[in-house]
Amino acid sequence: MVRMLINKERLFQVLFLAVIILLGITFTCNREVSTYERNEGASSQRAPSNNFQFKKLTKRDSAEESLETIWNYVYQRQYNCKDHEYLGGRPLDRDGAYDLCLEDKFWPIKKNPDSKCTMYSFGVGNDFTFDDEIANKGCDVHSFDPTTKLKDGFKRDSGVVFHLLGVSNEDNDKDSNGWKMRTIRTIKKELGHSDRIIDYLKVDTDAPGGGGFEDMVMEEMLETGLYKCIRQFAMEIHLIGPLTNPTLLDRCQRLYNQLTSLYDVGYRIYNTTDNVRAIRFINKDPSYSQAKSKPGMLRGGAAILWEVAMVNLNPEKCDF
């Protein structure tokens, strides 16, 4: 009888601990979603008017000025999407999740299930959770990654089609890493999507030398007019320090100028998430915030990762 009581007491303790852990995970996940509510170090300035012209950064701007400028920009809520969902990601901390604006103008398939919907997702690794969620909503989803061992053309149960290639600013059947790379315009043509609007473009890629390919994607969007035929654009921005390094400072300034150029043609940020999940795990500090990485961006080797989601106020079809 004593042994049974002890076992029951231990069982109660285990169940109680499990509940506490689940509540902690839920709290952590929810914190990742609400990025504009009291983020330490986040800008509190209001979004500018639609005809506002942002000053571009130049080589005359210091590392400190450049960091502060891009920092303040990404934390602006420039559009209030009144109907949105935070989808995908691993259950523990929602890493790999992205926001989807469900308003009719930006997600017409919700109101009209027969409408054609297309999503391109670059950089999946082995995490298809977000892509599967979008496919389950009736969208034609194509996922791209040149670094995995998955077979080109592999089709998931959700309908997601995988392509063993990456996104770049030029077409290359085998680059210096041995990867097959394509521009988005070439991909649209090769997939027979020349007349389609891309309803959702997601770019979450890691470049071998640090950073990502998001600047190349924005370059193509702006220089070719591709930006016109995209309804929603989400990406992980990789800002790498130290910004006292001229090359890294130049990339920081280029990223900011590309972001503000997208603003000029109608793109508006509606959600920004700090990706500090890995640092929280490594440092065993669930309270770690992006602001703690900010000082190391100037002279240390710190990195800042932002997951930024935007809507295009003026989407239209393109013939490429």
C-alpha atoms as a PDB file:
ATOM      1  CA  MET A   1       0.000   0.000   0.000  1.00  0.00           C
ATOM      2  CA  VAL A   2       2.841   2.430   0.849  1.00  0.00           C
ATOM      3  CA  ARG A   3       4.521   1.648  -2.475  1.00  0.00           C
ATOM      4  CA  MET A   4       1.277   2.336  -4.337  1.00  0.00           C
ATOM      5  CA  LEU A   5       0.909   5.702  -2.630  1.00  0.00           C
ATOM      6  CA  ILE A   6       4.491   6.619  -3.512  1.00  0.00           C
ATOM      7  CA  ASN A   7       3.917   5.606  -7.154  1.00  0.00           C
ATOM      8  CA  LYS A   8       0.721   7.665  -7.304  1.00  0.00           C
ATOM      9  CA  GLU A   9       2.562  10.642  -5.845  1.00  0.00           C
ATOM     10  CA  ARG A  10       5.349  10.312  -8.432  1.00  0.00           C
ATOM     11  CA  LEU A  11       2.784   9.985 -11.226  1.00  0.00           C
ATOM     12  CA  PHE A  12       1.116  13.185 -10.054  1.00  0.00           C
ATOM     13  CA  GLN A  13       4.491  14.982  -9.997  1.00  0.00           C
ATOM     14  CA  VAL A  14       5.302  13.826 -13.557  1.00  0.00           C
ATOM     15  CA  LEU A  15       1.893  14.893 -14.864  1.00  0.00           C
ATOM     16  CA  PHE A  16       2.184  18.270 -13.137  1.00  0.00           C
ATOM     17  CA  LEU A  17       5.654  18.833 -14.644  1.00  0.00           C
ATOM     18  CA  ALA A  18       4.379  17.870 -18.099  1.00  0.00           C
ATOM     19  CA  VAL A  19       1.576  20.433 -17.864  1.00  0.00           C
ATOM     20  CA  ILE A  20       4.051  23.157 -16.840  1.00  0.00           C
ATOM     21  CA  ILE A  21       6.316  22.304 -19.803  1.00  0.00           C
ATOM     22  CA  LEU A  22       3.402  22.389 -22.258  1.00  0.00           C
ATOM     23  CA  LEU A  23       2.271  25.737 -20.916  1.00  0.00           C
ATOM     24  CA  GLY A  24       5.816  27.051 -21.305  1.00  0.00           C
ATOM     25  CA  ILE A  25       6.009  25.877 -24.898  1.00  0.00           C
ATOM     26  CA  THR A  26       2.641  27.454 -25.679  1.00  0.00           C
ATOM     27  CA  PHE A  27       3.754  30.720 -24.118  1.00  0.00           C
ATOM     28  CA  THR A  28       6.984  30.675 -26.109  1.00  0.00           C
ATOM     29  CA  CYS A  29       5.115  29.967 -29.357  1.00  0.00           C
ATOM     30  CA  ASN A  30       2.671  32.780 -28.735  1.00  0.00           C
ATOM     31  CA  ARG A  31       5.492  35.203 -28.040  1.00  0.00           C
ATOM     32  CA  GLU A  32       6.927  34.470 -31.463  1.00  0.00           C
ATOM     33  CA  VAL A  33       3.651  35.426 -33.117  1.00  0.00           C
ATOM     34  CA  SER A  34       3.093  38.829 -31.541  1.00  0.00           C
ATOM     35  CA  THR A  35       6.192  40.646 -32.707  1.00  0.00           C
ATOM     36  CA  TYR A  36       4.881  44.177 -32.358  1.00  0.00           C
ATOM     37  CA  GLU A  37       3.905  43.902 -28.709  1.00  0.00           C
ATOM     38  CA  ARG A  38       6.677  45.209 -26.491  1.00  0.00           C
ATOM     39  CA  ASN A  39       9.624  43.774 -28.364  1.00  0.00           C
ATOM     40  CA  GLU A  40      12.683  44.980 -26.533  1.00  0.00           C
ATOM     41  CA  GLY A  41      14.593  47.328 -28.801  1.00  0.00           C
ATOM     42  CA  ALA A  42      11.836  47.486 -31.402  1.00  0.00           C
ATOM     43  CA  SER A  43      10.883  50.772 -32.965  1.00  0.00           C
ATOM     44  CA  SER A  44       7.713  52.359 -31.623  1.00  0.00           C
ATOM     45  CA  GLN A  45       7.373  54.823 -34.490  1.00  0.00           C
ATOM     46  CA  ARG A  46       4.216  54.780 -36.551  1.00  0.00           C
ATOM     47  CA  ALA A  47       4.141  53.590 -40.147  1.00  0.00           C
ATOM     48  CA  PRO A  48       4.593  56.433 -42.647  1.00  0.00           C
ATOM     49  CA  SER A  49       1.941  57.618 -45.054  1.00  0.00           C
ATOM     50  CA  ASN A  50       1.633  55.799 -48.391  1.00  0.00           C
ATOM     51  CA  ASN A  51       3.382  58.562 -50.344  1.00  0.00           C
ATOM     52  CA  PHE A  52       6.300  58.804 -47.922  1.00  0.00           C
ATOM     53  CA  GLN A  53       9.773  58.622 -49.500  1.00  0.00           C
ATOM     54  CA  PHE A  54      12.439  56.888 -47.445  1.00  0.00           C
ATOM     55  CA  LYS A  55      15.979  58.199 -47.567  1.00  0.00           C
ATOM     56  CA  LYS A  56      18.374  55.682 -49.105  1.00  0.00           C
ATOM     57  CA  LEU A  57      21.597  54.748 -47.340  1.00  0.00           C
ATOM     58  CA  THR A  58      24.925  55.577 -48.988  1.00  0.00           C
ATOM     59  CA  LYS A  59      28.592  54.912 -48.334  1.00  0.00           C
ATOM     60  CA  ARG A  60      28.653  58.161 -46.370  1.00  0.00           C
ATOM     61  CA  ASP A  61      26.417  56.622 -43.695  1.00  0.00           C
ATOM     62  CA  SER A  62      28.240  55.029 -40.771  1.00  0.00           C
ATOM     63  CA  ALA A  63      27.782  51.488 -39.492  1.00  0.00           C
ATOM     64  CA  GLU A  64      25.900  52.833 -36.460  1.00  0.00           C
ATOM     65  CA  GLU A  65      23.536  54.918 -38.604  1.00  0.00           C
ATOM     66  CA  SER A  66      22.937  52.083 -41.051  1.00  0.00           C
ATOM     67  CA  LEU A  67      22.143  49.539 -38.327  1.00  0.00           C
ATOM     68  CA  GLU A  68      19.754  51.898 -36.564  1.00  0.00           C
ATOM     69  CA  THR A  69      18.021  52.755 -39.842  1.00  0.00           C
ATOM     70  CA  ILE A  70      17.314  49.190 -40.956  1.00  0.00           C
ATOM     71  CA  TRP A  71      16.461  48.205 -37.357  1.00  0.00           C
ATOM     72  CA  ASN A  72      13.765  50.871 -37.132  1.00  0.00           C
ATOM     73  CA  TYR A  73      12.415  50.043 -40.580  1.00  0.00           C
ATOM     74  CA  VAL A  74      11.738  46.323 -40.146  1.00  0.00           C
ATOM     75  CA  TYR A  75       9.778  46.889 -36.939  1.00  0.00           C
ATOM     76  CA  GLN A  76       7.243  49.183 -38.564  1.00  0.00           C
ATOM     77  CA  ARG A  77       3.781  47.734 -39.049  1.00  0.00           C
ATOM     78  CA  GLN A  78       3.030  49.359 -42.392  1.00  0.00           C
ATOM     79  CA  TYR A  79      -0.166  47.444 -43.040  1.00  0.00           C
ATOM     80  CA  ASN A  80      -2.675  46.073 -40.542  1.00  0.00           C
ATOM     81  CA  CYS A  81      -3.864  42.733 -41.912  1.00  0.00           C
ATOM     82  CA  LYS A  82      -7.106  42.111 -40.066  1.00  0.00           C
ATOM     83  CA  ASP A  83      -7.345  38.431 -41.011  1.00  0.00           C
ATOM     84  CA  HIS A  84      -4.145  36.428 -40.845  1.00  0.00           C
ATOM     85  CA  GLU A  85      -2.720  33.092 -39.683  1.00  0.00           C
ATOM     86  CA  TYR A  86       0.686  32.096 -38.355  1.00  0.00           C
ATOM     87  CA  LEU A  87       1.296  28.692 -39.966  1.00  0.00           C
ATOM     88  CA  GLY A  88       3.779  25.838 -39.829  1.00  0.00           C
ATOM     89  CA  GLY A  89       6.986  25.505 -37.855  1.00  0.00           C
ATOM     90  CA  ARG A  90       8.151  22.854 -35.433  1.00  0.00           C
ATOM     91  CA  PRO A  91       5.881  22.446 -32.391  1.00  0.00           C
ATOM     92  CA  LEU A  92       8.554  23.302 -29.812  1.00  0.00           C
ATOM     93  CA  ASP A  93       9.279  26.898 -30.829  1.00  0.00           C
ATOM     94  CA  ARG A  94       7.544  27.529 -34.210  1.00  0.00           C
ATOM     95  CA  ASP A  95      10.841  27.739 -36.077  1.00  0.00           C
ATOM     96  CA  GLY A  96       9.955  27.666 -39.777  1.00  0.00           C
ATOM     97  CA  ALA A  97       6.542  29.315 -39.299  1.00  0.00           C
ATOM     98  CA  TYR A  98       5.397  32.292 -41.374  1.00  0.00           C
ATOM     99  CA  ASP A  99       2.404  34.610 -41.442  1.00  0.00           C
ATOM    100  CA  LEU A 100      -0.294  34.506 -44.123  1.00  0.00           C
ATOM    101  CA  CYS A 101      -2.610  37.459 -44.743  1.00  0.00           C
ATOM    102  CA  LEU A 102      -6.051  36.067 -45.606  1.00  0.00           C
ATOM    103  CA  GLU A 103      -7.708  39.257 -46.818  1.00  0.00           C
ATOM    104  CA  ASP A 104      -9.453  38.813 -50.194  1.00  0.00           C
ATOM    105  CA  LYS A 105      -7.079  41.046 -52.150  1.00  0.00           C
ATOM    106  CA  PHE A 106      -4.019  39.107 -51.004  1.00  0.00           C
ATOM    107  CA  TRP A 107      -5.503  35.599 -50.690  1.00  0.00           C
ATOM    108  CA  PRO A 108      -8.382  35.363 -53.206  1.00  0.00           C
ATOM    109  CA  ILE A 109      -8.619  31.575 -52.991  1.00  0.00           C
ATOM    110  CA  LYS A 110     -10.312  31.906 -49.594  1.00  0.00           C
ATOM    111  CA  LYS A 111     -13.345  33.613 -51.139  1.00  0.00           C
ATOM    112  CA  ASN A 112     -13.123  31.854 -54.498  1.00  0.00           C
ATOM    113  CA  PRO A 113     -11.835  28.259 -54.098  1.00  0.00           C
ATOM    114  CA  ASP A 114     -11.804  27.819 -57.880  1.00  0.00           C
ATOM    115  CA  SER A 115      -9.257  30.596 -58.392  1.00  0.00           C
ATOM    116  CA  LYS A 116      -5.711  29.620 -59.317  1.00  0.00           C
ATOM    117  CA  CYS A 117      -3.220  29.898 -56.428  1.00  0.00           C
ATOM    118  CA  THR A 118       0.564  29.512 -56.681  1.00  0.00           C
ATOM    119  CA  MET A 119       3.272  29.572 -54.027  1.00  0.00           C
ATOM    120  CA  TYR A 120       7.054  29.337 -54.396  1.00  0.00           C
ATOM    121  CA  SER A 121       9.019  28.420 -51.268  1.00  0.00           C
ATOM    122  CA  PHE A 122      12.811  28.690 -51.373  1.00  0.00           C
ATOM    123  CA  GLY A 123      14.890  27.077 -48.633  1.00  0.00           C
ATOM    124  CA  VAL A 124      12.992  24.275 -46.916  1.00  0.00           C
ATOM    125  CA  GLY A 125      15.677  21.910 -45.627  1.00  0.00           C
ATOM    126  CA  ASN A 126      13.576  19.129 -44.181  1.00  0.00           C
ATOM    127  CA  ASP A 127      10.796  21.374 -42.873  1.00  0.00           C
ATOM    128  CA  PHE A 128       7.749  21.430 -45.138  1.00  0.00           C
ATOM    129  CA  THR A 129       5.285  22.374 -42.398  1.00  0.00           C
ATOM    130  CA  PHE A 130       4.472  25.846 -43.734  1.00  0.00           C
ATOM    131  CA  ASP A 131       4.390  24.658 -47.340  1.00  0.00           C
ATOM    132  CA  ASP A 132       2.052  21.789 -46.434  1.00  0.00           C
ATOM    133  CA  GLU A 133      -0.302  24.189 -44.630  1.00  0.00           C
ATOM    134  CA  ILE A 134      -0.539  26.388 -47.731  1.00  0.00           C
ATOM    135  CA  ALA A 135      -1.062  23.368 -50.004  1.00  0.00           C
ATOM    136  CA  ASN A 136      -3.849  22.143 -47.739  1.00  0.00           C
ATOM    137  CA  LYS A 137      -5.631  25.437 -48.415  1.00  0.00           C
ATOM    138  CA  GLY A 138      -5.842  24.512 -52.109  1.00  0.00           C
ATOM    139  CA  CYS A 139      -2.721  26.295 -53.358  1.00  0.00           C
ATOM    140  CA  ASP A 140      -0.293  24.874 -55.948  1.00  0.00           C
ATOM    141  CA  VAL A 141       2.928  24.835 -53.906  1.00  0.00           C
ATOM    142  CA  HIS A 142       6.458  24.380 -55.257  1.00  0.00           C
ATOM    143  CA  SER A 143       9.335  24.021 -52.786  1.00  0.00           C
ATOM    144  CA  PHE A 144      12.975  24.544 -53.736  1.00  0.00           C
ATOM    145  CA  ASP A 145      16.246  23.605 -52.056  1.00  0.00           C
ATOM    146  CA  PRO A 146      19.527  22.521 -53.700  1.00  0.00           C
ATOM    147  CA  THR A 147      21.116  21.310 -50.443  1.00  0.00           C
ATOM    148  CA  THR A 148      18.936  18.326 -49.541  1.00  0.00           C
ATOM    149  CA  LYS A 149      19.095  14.686 -50.597  1.00  0.00           C
ATOM    150  CA  LEU A 150      15.464  14.613 -51.671  1.00  0.00           C
ATOM    151  CA  LYS A 151      14.691  13.549 -55.220  1.00  0.00           C
ATOM    152  CA  ASP A 152      13.863  16.258 -57.726  1.00  0.00           C
ATOM    153  CA  GLY A 153      10.163  16.152 -58.572  1.00  0.00           C
ATOM    154  CA  PHE A 154       9.212  14.426 -55.309  1.00  0.00           C
ATOM    155  CA  LYS A 155       5.540  15.063 -54.466  1.00  0.00           C
ATOM    156  CA  ARG A 156       4.332  15.125 -50.876  1.00  0.00           C
ATOM    157  CA  ASP A 157       0.963  13.849 -49.661  1.00  0.00           C
ATOM    158  CA  SER A 158      -0.162  17.478 -49.326  1.00  0.00           C
ATOM    159  CA  GLY A 159       0.494  18.023 -53.028  1.00  0.00           C
ATOM    160  CA  VAL A 160       3.684  20.055 -52.518  1.00  0.00           C
ATOM    161  CA  VAL A 161       6.152  19.460 -55.352  1.00  0.00           C
ATOM    162  CA  PHE A 162       9.863  19.560 -54.484  1.00  0.00           C
ATOM    163  CA  HIS A 163      12.552  20.854 -56.847  1.00  0.00           C
ATOM    164  CA  LEU A 164      16.254  20.194 -56.262  1.00  0.00           C
ATOM    165  CA  LEU A 165      17.449  23.679 -57.165  1.00  0.00           C
ATOM    166  CA  GLY A 166      17.996  27.058 -55.548  1.00  0.00           C
ATOM    167  CA  VAL A 167      17.247  30.676 -56.278  1.00  0.00           C
ATOM    168  CA  SER A 168      19.899  33.086 -57.515  1.00  0.00           C
ATOM    169  CA  ASN A 169      20.377  36.181 -59.660  1.00  0.00           C
ATOM    170  CA  GLU A 170      21.582  34.067 -62.600  1.00  0.00           C
ATOM    171  CA  ASP A 171      20.895  30.662 -64.125  1.00  0.00           C
ATOM    172  CA  ASN A 172      23.542  28.024 -63.485  1.00  0.00           C
ATOM    173  CA  ASP A 173      23.292  24.248 -63.853  1.00  0.00           C
ATOM    174  CA  LYS A 174      26.172  23.794 -61.409  1.00  0.00           C
ATOM    175  CA  ASP A 175      27.537  26.680 -59.365  1.00  0.00           C
ATOM    176  CA  SER A 176      30.685  26.710 -57.186  1.00  0.00           C
ATOM    177  CA  ASN A 177      28.811  24.690 -54.537  1.00  0.00           C
ATOM    178  CA  GLY A 178      27.647  22.136 -57.091  1.00  0.00           C
ATOM    179  CA  TRP A 179      24.067  23.426 -56.913  1.00  0.00           C
ATOM    180  CA  LYS A 180      21.610  23.977 -59.728  1.00  0.00           C
ATOM    181  CA  MET A 181      20.421  27.592 -59.504  1.00  0.00           C
ATOM    182  CA  ARG A 182      17.735  29.564 -61.323  1.00  0.00           C
ATOM    183  CA  THR A 183      16.211  33.031 -61.304  1.00  0.00           C
ATOM    184  CA  ILE A 184      12.519  33.199 -60.402  1.00  0.00           C
ATOM    185  CA  ARG A 185      11.618  34.377 -63.907  1.00  0.00           C
ATOM    186  CA  THR A 186      13.335  31.306 -65.396  1.00  0.00           C
ATOM    187  CA  ILE A 187      11.568  29.040 -62.896  1.00  0.00           C
ATOM    188  CA  LYS A 188       8.184  30.521 -63.828  1.00  0.00           C
ATOM    189  CA  LYS A 189       8.933  29.858 -67.492  1.00  0.00           C
ATOM    190  CA  GLU A 190      10.239  26.304 -66.953  1.00  0.00           C
ATOM    191  CA  LEU A 191       7.199  25.381 -64.838  1.00  0.00           C
ATOM    192  CA  GLY A 192       4.774  26.876 -67.347  1.00  0.00           C
ATOM    193  CA  HIS A 193       3.715  29.610 -64.934  1.00  0.00           C
ATOM    194  CA  SER A 194       4.542  32.618 -67.095  1.00  0.00           C
ATOM    195  CA  ASP A 195       0.990  33.960 -66.945  1.00  0.00           C
ATOM    196  CA  ARG A 196       0.517  33.340 -63.219  1.00  0.00           C
ATOM    197  CA  ILE A 197       0.608  35.668 -60.256  1.00  0.00           C
ATOM    198  CA  ILE A 198       2.686  34.246 -57.406  1.00  0.00           C
ATOM    199  CA  ASP A 199       0.245  34.395 -54.507  1.00  0.00           C
ATOM    200  CA  TYR A 200       2.954  33.760 -51.907  1.00  0.00           C
ATOM    201  CA  LEU A 201       6.726  33.946 -52.278  1.00  0.00           C
ATOM    202  CA  LYS A 202       8.731  32.672 -49.313  1.00  0.00           C
ATOM    203  CA  VAL A 203      12.535  32.975 -49.198  1.00  0.00           C
ATOM    204  CA  ASP A 204      14.331  31.415 -46.217  1.00  0.00           C
ATOM    205  CA  THR A 205      17.775  30.581 -47.566  1.00  0.00           C
ATOM    206  CA  ASP A 206      21.271  30.363 -46.096  1.00  0.00           C
ATOM    207  CA  ALA A 207      24.315  31.276 -48.186  1.00  0.00           C
ATOM    208  CA  PRO A 208      27.541  29.267 -47.572  1.00  0.00           C
ATOM    209  CA  GLY A 209      29.579  32.373 -46.769  1.00  0.00           C
ATOM    210  CA  GLY A 210      27.011  33.738 -44.331  1.00  0.00           C
ATOM    211  CA  GLY A 211      23.859  35.683 -44.977  1.00  0.00           C
ATOM    212  CA  GLY A 212      21.249  34.496 -47.429  1.00  0.00           C
ATOM    213  CA  PHE A 213      19.978  34.927 -50.978  1.00  0.00           C
ATOM    214  CA  GLU A 214      17.185  37.357 -50.075  1.00  0.00           C
ATOM    215  CA  ASP A 215      19.084  40.342 -51.477  1.00  0.00           C
ATOM    216  CA  MET A 216      19.445  38.569 -54.848  1.00  0.00           C
ATOM    217  CA  VAL A 217      15.700  37.876 -54.892  1.00  0.00           C
ATOM    218  CA  MET A 218      14.810  41.492 -54.134  1.00  0.00           C
ATOM    219  CA  GLU A 219      17.292  42.619 -56.796  1.00  0.00           C
ATOM    220  CA  GLU A 220      15.525  40.502 -59.417  1.00  0.00           C
ATOM    221  CA  MET A 221      12.092  41.641 -58.256  1.00  0.00           C
ATOM    222  CA  LEU A 222      13.027  45.306 -58.568  1.00  0.00           C
ATOM    223  CA  GLU A 223      15.150  45.211 -61.726  1.00  0.00           C
ATOM    224  CA  THR A 224      12.843  43.025 -63.841  1.00  0.00           C
ATOM    225  CA  GLY A 225       9.416  44.144 -62.623  1.00  0.00           C
ATOM    226  CA  LEU A 226       8.767  40.735 -61.040  1.00  0.00           C
ATOM    227  CA  TYR A 227       7.513  42.554 -57.931  1.00  0.00           C
ATOM    228  CA  LYS A 228       4.293  43.369 -59.826  1.00  0.00           C
ATOM    229  CA  CYS A 229       3.094  39.765 -60.006  1.00  0.00           C
ATOM    230  CA  ILE A 230       3.559  38.747 -56.352  1.00  0.00           C
ATOM    231  CA  ARG A 231       0.743  39.156 -53.821  1.00  0.00           C
ATOM    232  CA  GLN A 232       2.620  38.307 -50.614  1.00  0.00           C
ATOM    233  CA  PHE A 233       6.346  38.141 -49.945  1.00  0.00           C
ATOM    234  CA  ALA A 234       7.931  36.668 -46.809  1.00  0.00           C
ATOM    235  CA  MET A 235      11.617  36.206 -46.176  1.00  0.00           C
ATOM    236  CA  GLU A 236      14.202  35.702 -43.494  1.00  0.00           C
ATOM    237  CA  ILE A 237      16.626  38.615 -43.513  1.00  0.00           C
ATOM    238  CA  HIS A 238      20.159  37.651 -42.501  1.00  0.00           C
ATOM    239  CA  LEU A 239      22.064  40.643 -41.162  1.00  0.00           C
ATOM    240  CA  ILE A 240      25.643  39.635 -40.408  1.00  0.00           C
ATOM    241  CA  GLY A 241      28.239  41.543 -38.377  1.00  0.00           C
ATOM    242  CA  PRO A 242      30.607  43.140 -37.808  1.00  0.00           C
ATOM    243  CA  LEU A 243      29.302  46.107 -39.794  1.00  0.00           C
ATOM    244  CA  THR A 244      32.712  47.731 -39.447  1.00  0.00           C
ATOM    245  CA  ASN A 245      33.600  45.298 -42.243  1.00  0.00           C
ATOM    246  CA  PRO A 246      33.010  47.314 -45.466  1.00  0.00           C
ATOM    247  CA  THR A 247      31.577  44.310 -47.337  1.00  0.00           C
ATOM    248  CA  LEU A 248      29.070  43.497 -44.606  1.00  0.00           C
ATOM    249  CA  LEU A 249      28.141  47.156 -44.197  1.00  0.00           C
ATOM    250  CA  ASP A 250      27.531  47.403 -47.933  1.00  0.00           C
ATOM    251  CA  ARG A 251      25.172  44.411 -47.756  1.00  0.00           C
ATOM    252  CA  CYS A 252      23.311  45.936 -44.805  1.00  0.00           C
ATOM    253  CA  GLN A 253      22.789  49.163 -46.725  1.00  0.00           C
ATOM    254  CA  ARG A 254      21.774  47.269 -49.867  1.00  0.00           C
ATOM    255  CA  LEU A 255      19.156  45.270 -47.934  1.00  0.00           C
ATOM    256  CA  TYR A 256      17.662  48.447 -46.482  1.00  0.00           C
ATOM    257  CA  ASN A 257      17.605  50.205 -49.842  1.00  0.00           C
ATOM    258  CA  GLN A 258      15.924  47.193 -51.450  1.00  0.00           C
ATOM    259  CA  LEU A 259      13.304  47.046 -48.691  1.00  0.00           C
ATOM    260  CA  THR A 260      12.466  50.731 -49.074  1.00  0.00           C
ATOM    261  CA  SER A 261      12.417  50.407 -52.866  1.00  0.00           C
ATOM    262  CA  LEU A 262       9.796  47.672 -52.473  1.00  0.00           C
ATOM    263  CA  TYR A 263       7.881  50.095 -50.258  1.00  0.00           C
ATOM    264  CA  ASP A 264       8.032  52.656 -53.082  1.00  0.00           C
ATOM    265  CA  VAL A 265       6.251  50.241 -55.439  1.00  0.00           C
ATOM    266  CA  GLY A 266       3.541  49.232 -52.972  1.00  0.00           C
ATOM    267  CA  TYR A 267       4.947  46.590 -50.605  1.00  0.00           C
ATOM    268  CA  ARG A 268       3.966  46.941 -46.930  1.00  0.00           C
ATOM    269  CA  ILE A 269       5.269  45.024 -43.903  1.00  0.00           C
ATOM    270  CA  TYR A 270       2.459  43.473 -41.876  1.00  0.00           C
ATOM    271  CA  ASN A 271       4.484  41.184 -39.605  1.00  0.00           C
ATOM    272  CA  THR A 272       8.062  40.903 -38.381  1.00  0.00           C
ATOM    273  CA  THR A 273       9.295  38.073 -36.166  1.00  0.00           C
ATOM    274  CA  ASP A 274      12.618  37.930 -34.353  1.00  0.00           C
ATOM    275  CA  ASN A 275      14.261  34.583 -35.023  1.00  0.00           C
ATOM    276  CA  VAL A 276      16.257  34.113 -31.823  1.00  0.00           C
ATOM    277  CA  ARG A 277      15.137  30.520 -31.269  1.00  0.00           C
ATOM    278  CA  ALA A 278      18.564  28.903 -31.751  1.00  0.00           C
ATOM    279  CA  ILE A 279      20.296  31.410 -29.464  1.00  0.00           C
ATOM    280  CA  ARG A 280      17.693  30.848 -26.759  1.00  0.00           C
ATOM    281  CA  PHE A 281      18.354  27.114 -26.955  1.00  0.00           C
ATOM    282  CA  ILE A 282      22.162  27.380 -27.062  1.00  0.00           C
ATOM    283  CA  ASN A 283      22.333  29.925 -24.232  1.00  0.00           C
ATOM    284  CA  LYS A 284      19.540  28.188 -22.294  1.00  0.00           C
ATOM    285  CA  ASP A 285      17.930  31.599 -21.989  1.00  0.00           C
ATOM    286  CA  PRO A 286      14.245  31.692 -23.066  1.00  0.00           C
ATOM    287  CA  SER A 287      14.158  35.449 -22.460  1.00  0.00           C
ATOM    288  CA  TYR A 288      16.925  36.240 -24.969  1.00  0.00           C
ATOM    289  CA  SER A 289      15.838  39.040 -27.308  1.00  0.00           C
ATOM    290  CA  GLN A 290      17.147  40.422 -30.582  1.00  0.00           C
ATOM    291  CA  ALA A 291      18.214  43.608 -28.799  1.00  0.00           C
ATOM    292  CA  LYS A 292      20.969  41.665 -27.011  1.00  0.00           C
ATOM    293  CA  SER A 293      22.566  40.863 -30.380  1.00  0.00           C
ATOM    294  CA  LYS A 294      22.478  44.471 -31.518  1.00  0.00           C
ATOM    295  CA  PRO A 295      25.712  45.730 -29.825  1.00  0.00           C
ATOM    296  CA  GLY A 296      27.712  42.841 -31.311  1.00  0.00           C
ATOM    297  CA  MET A 297      26.626  43.801 -34.809  1.00  0.00           C
ATOM    298  CA  LEU A 298      29.055  46.695 -34.963  1.00  0.00           C
ATOM    299  CA  ARG A 299      32.386  45.202 -33.952  1.00  0.00           C
ATOM    300  CA  GLY A 300      31.594  41.597 -33.055  1.00  0.00           C
ATOM    301  CA  GLY A 301      30.518  38.654 -35.137  1.00  0.00           C
ATOM    302  CA  ALA A 302      26.862  38.758 -34.168  1.00  0.00           C
ATOM    303  CA  ALA A 303      23.984  38.038 -36.538  1.00  0.00           C
ATOM    304  CA  ILE A 304      20.399  39.260 -36.587  1.00  0.00           C
ATOM    305  CA  LEU A 305      17.642  37.226 -38.212  1.00  0.00           C
ATOM    306  CA  TRP A 306      14.269  38.804 -39.035  1.00  0.00           C
ATOM    307  CA  GLU A 307      11.323  36.990 -40.592  1.00  0.00           C
ATOM    308  CA  VAL A 308       9.459  39.701 -42.470  1.00  0.00           C
ATOM    309  CA  ALA A 309       6.079  39.303 -44.189  1.00  0.00           C
ATOM    310  CA  MET A 310       4.738  41.846 -46.700  1.00  0.00           C
ATOM    311  CA  VAL A 311       1.705  42.393 -48.905  1.00  0.00           C
ATOM    312  CA  ASN A 312       1.762  44.003 -52.337  1.00  0.00           C
ATOM    313  CA  LEU A 313      -0.963  46.654 -52.546  1.00  0.00           C
ATOM    314  CA  ASN A 314      -0.985  46.569 -56.358  1.00  0.00           C
ATOM    315  CA  PRO A 315      -0.557  42.981 -57.642  1.00  0.00           C
ATOM    316  CA  GLU A 316      -0.997  42.316 -61.359  1.00  0.00           C
ATOM    317  CA  LYS A 317      -0.254  39.616 -63.914  1.00  0.00           C
ATOM    318  CA  CYS A 318       3.124  39.498 -65.653  1.00  0.00           C
ATOM    319  CA  ASP A 319       3.899  37.777 -68.925  1.00  0.00           C
ATOM    320  CA  PHE A 320       7.126  36.135 -67.769  1.00  0.00           C
END
